[in-house]
């Protein structure tokens, strides 16, 4: 996985500009732009700062979830913040929908 592309993908999925992410991560927009473009290799402290700015565990940026659409990332973030009861209900619903799709397909 390309680290810079993953940072850009997640930033755009959150609807953040380079400037907004830079403020959250306490880095410069130019530096983040260089990382996203593949012109710079971030230090460990920059990886940690970007992860914090994006609100994700650092591991997701360096080897995280592949091929998720922005809506799936948003759904995961919302799910993670929901109560346990809501999470259980959502999982039951998704499992039921998935089972129904397999039977009819």
Protein backbone atom coordinates (compact mmCIF):
# COMPACT_ATOMS: atom_id res chain seq x y z
CA UNK A 1 0.00 0.00 0.00
CA UNK A 2 1.22 3.50 -0.81
CA UNK A 3 1.24 5.52 2.42
CA UNK A 4 0.72 8.89 0.73
CA UNK A 5 -2.20 7.64 -1.32
CA UNK A 6 -3.80 6.20 1.80
CA UNK A 7 -3.42 9.50 3.64
CA UNK A 8 -5.02 11.35 0.70
CA UNK A 9 -7.83 8.80 0.39
CA UNK A 10 -8.70 9.08 4.06
CA UNK A 11 -8.36 12.87 4.12
CA UNK A 12 -10.72 13.20 1.17
CA UNK A 13 -13.13 10.66 2.68
CA UNK A 14 -13.36 12.92 5.72
CA UNK A 15 -13.86 15.96 3.53
CA UNK A 16 -10.71 17.64 4.86
CA UNK A 17 -8.48 20.05 2.97
CA UNK A 18 -4.71 19.80 3.26
CA UNK A 19 -4.82 22.86 5.50
CA UNK A 20 -7.40 21.31 7.83
CA UNK A 21 -5.44 18.07 8.16
CA UNK A 22 -2.23 20.05 8.67
CA UNK A 23 -3.83 21.93 11.54
CA UNK A 24 -5.12 18.73 13.13
CA UNK A 25 -1.77 16.96 12.71
CA UNK A 26 0.35 20.02 13.53
CA UNK A 27 2.27 19.65 10.27
CA UNK A 28 2.49 21.97 7.29
CA UNK A 29 0.16 21.58 4.29
CA UNK A 30 3.21 21.57 2.00
CA UNK A 31 4.76 18.67 3.93
CA UNK A 32 1.55 16.63 3.85
CA UNK A 33 1.11 17.39 0.15
CA UNK A 34 4.61 16.05 -0.47
CA UNK A 35 3.77 12.86 1.43
CA UNK A 36 0.52 12.40 -0.50
CA UNK A 37 2.34 12.92 -3.80
CA UNK A 38 5.02 10.40 -2.85
CA UNK A 39 7.82 13.00 -2.85
CA UNK A 40 8.50 12.71 0.89
CA UNK A 41 8.94 9.79 3.25
CA UNK A 42 7.39 10.60 6.62
CA UNK A 43 9.17 10.05 9.91
CA UNK A 44 7.54 7.89 12.56
CA UNK A 45 6.46 11.03 14.42
CA UNK A 46 4.79 12.31 11.23
CA UNK A 47 2.97 9.00 10.72
CA UNK A 48 1.69 9.22 14.29
CA UNK A 49 0.67 12.86 13.83
CA UNK A 50 -1.17 12.12 10.58
CA UNK A 51 -2.97 9.17 12.15
CA UNK A 52 -4.06 11.38 15.04
CA UNK A 53 -5.16 14.10 12.62
CA UNK A 54 -7.20 11.59 10.64
CA UNK A 55 -8.59 9.93 13.77
CA UNK A 56 -7.34 6.45 12.90
CA UNK A 57 -4.87 3.99 14.42
CA UNK A 58 -1.42 4.41 12.81
CA UNK A 59 -1.47 0.80 11.62
CA UNK A 60 -4.39 1.55 9.33
CA UNK A 61 -2.27 4.06 7.43
CA UNK A 62 0.70 1.78 6.92
CA UNK A 63 -1.08 -1.48 6.22
CA UNK A 64 -4.69 -0.87 6.91
CA UNK A 65 -7.99 -1.60 5.31
CA UNK A 66 -7.75 -1.97 1.55
CA UNK A 67 -10.29 -0.95 -1.07
CA UNK A 68 -12.87 0.57 1.25
CA UNK A 69 -15.06 3.26 -0.19
CA UNK A 70 -15.36 6.56 1.70
CA UNK A 71 -18.87 5.59 2.81
CA UNK A 72 -17.53 2.39 4.38
CA UNK A 73 -14.89 4.36 6.28
CA UNK A 74 -17.55 6.75 7.54
CA UNK A 75 -19.81 3.84 8.51
CA UNK A 76 -16.99 2.20 10.46
CA UNK A 77 -16.22 5.43 12.30
CA UNK A 78 -19.90 5.96 13.19
CA UNK A 79 -20.25 2.33 14.22
CA UNK A 80 -17.22 2.55 16.50
CA UNK A 81 -18.71 5.53 18.31
CA UNK A 82 -22.13 3.95 18.80
CA UNK A 83 -23.31 2.23 21.96
CA UNK A 84 -22.96 -1.53 22.28
CA UNK A 85 -26.73 -1.99 21.82
CA UNK A 86 -26.68 -0.02 18.57
CA UNK A 87 -23.61 -1.93 17.35
CA UNK A 88 -25.37 -5.25 18.02
CA UNK A 89 -28.50 -4.12 16.17
CA UNK A 90 -26.48 -2.91 13.16
CA UNK A 91 -24.54 -6.17 12.99
CA UNK A 92 -27.75 -8.22 13.12
CA UNK A 93 -29.23 -6.10 10.33
CA UNK A 94 -26.14 -6.39 8.14
CA UNK A 95 -25.93 -10.14 8.68
CA UNK A 96 -29.61 -10.55 7.76
CA UNK A 97 -29.20 -8.45 4.61
CA UNK A 98 -26.09 -10.37 3.60
CA UNK A 99 -27.78 -13.76 4.15
CA UNK A 100 -30.77 -12.66 2.10
CA UNK A 101 -28.54 -11.53 -0.75
CA UNK A 102 -26.67 -14.86 -0.82
CA UNK A 103 -29.92 -16.85 -0.99
CA UNK A 104 -31.34 -14.83 -3.87
CA UNK A 105 -28.05 -14.67 -5.84
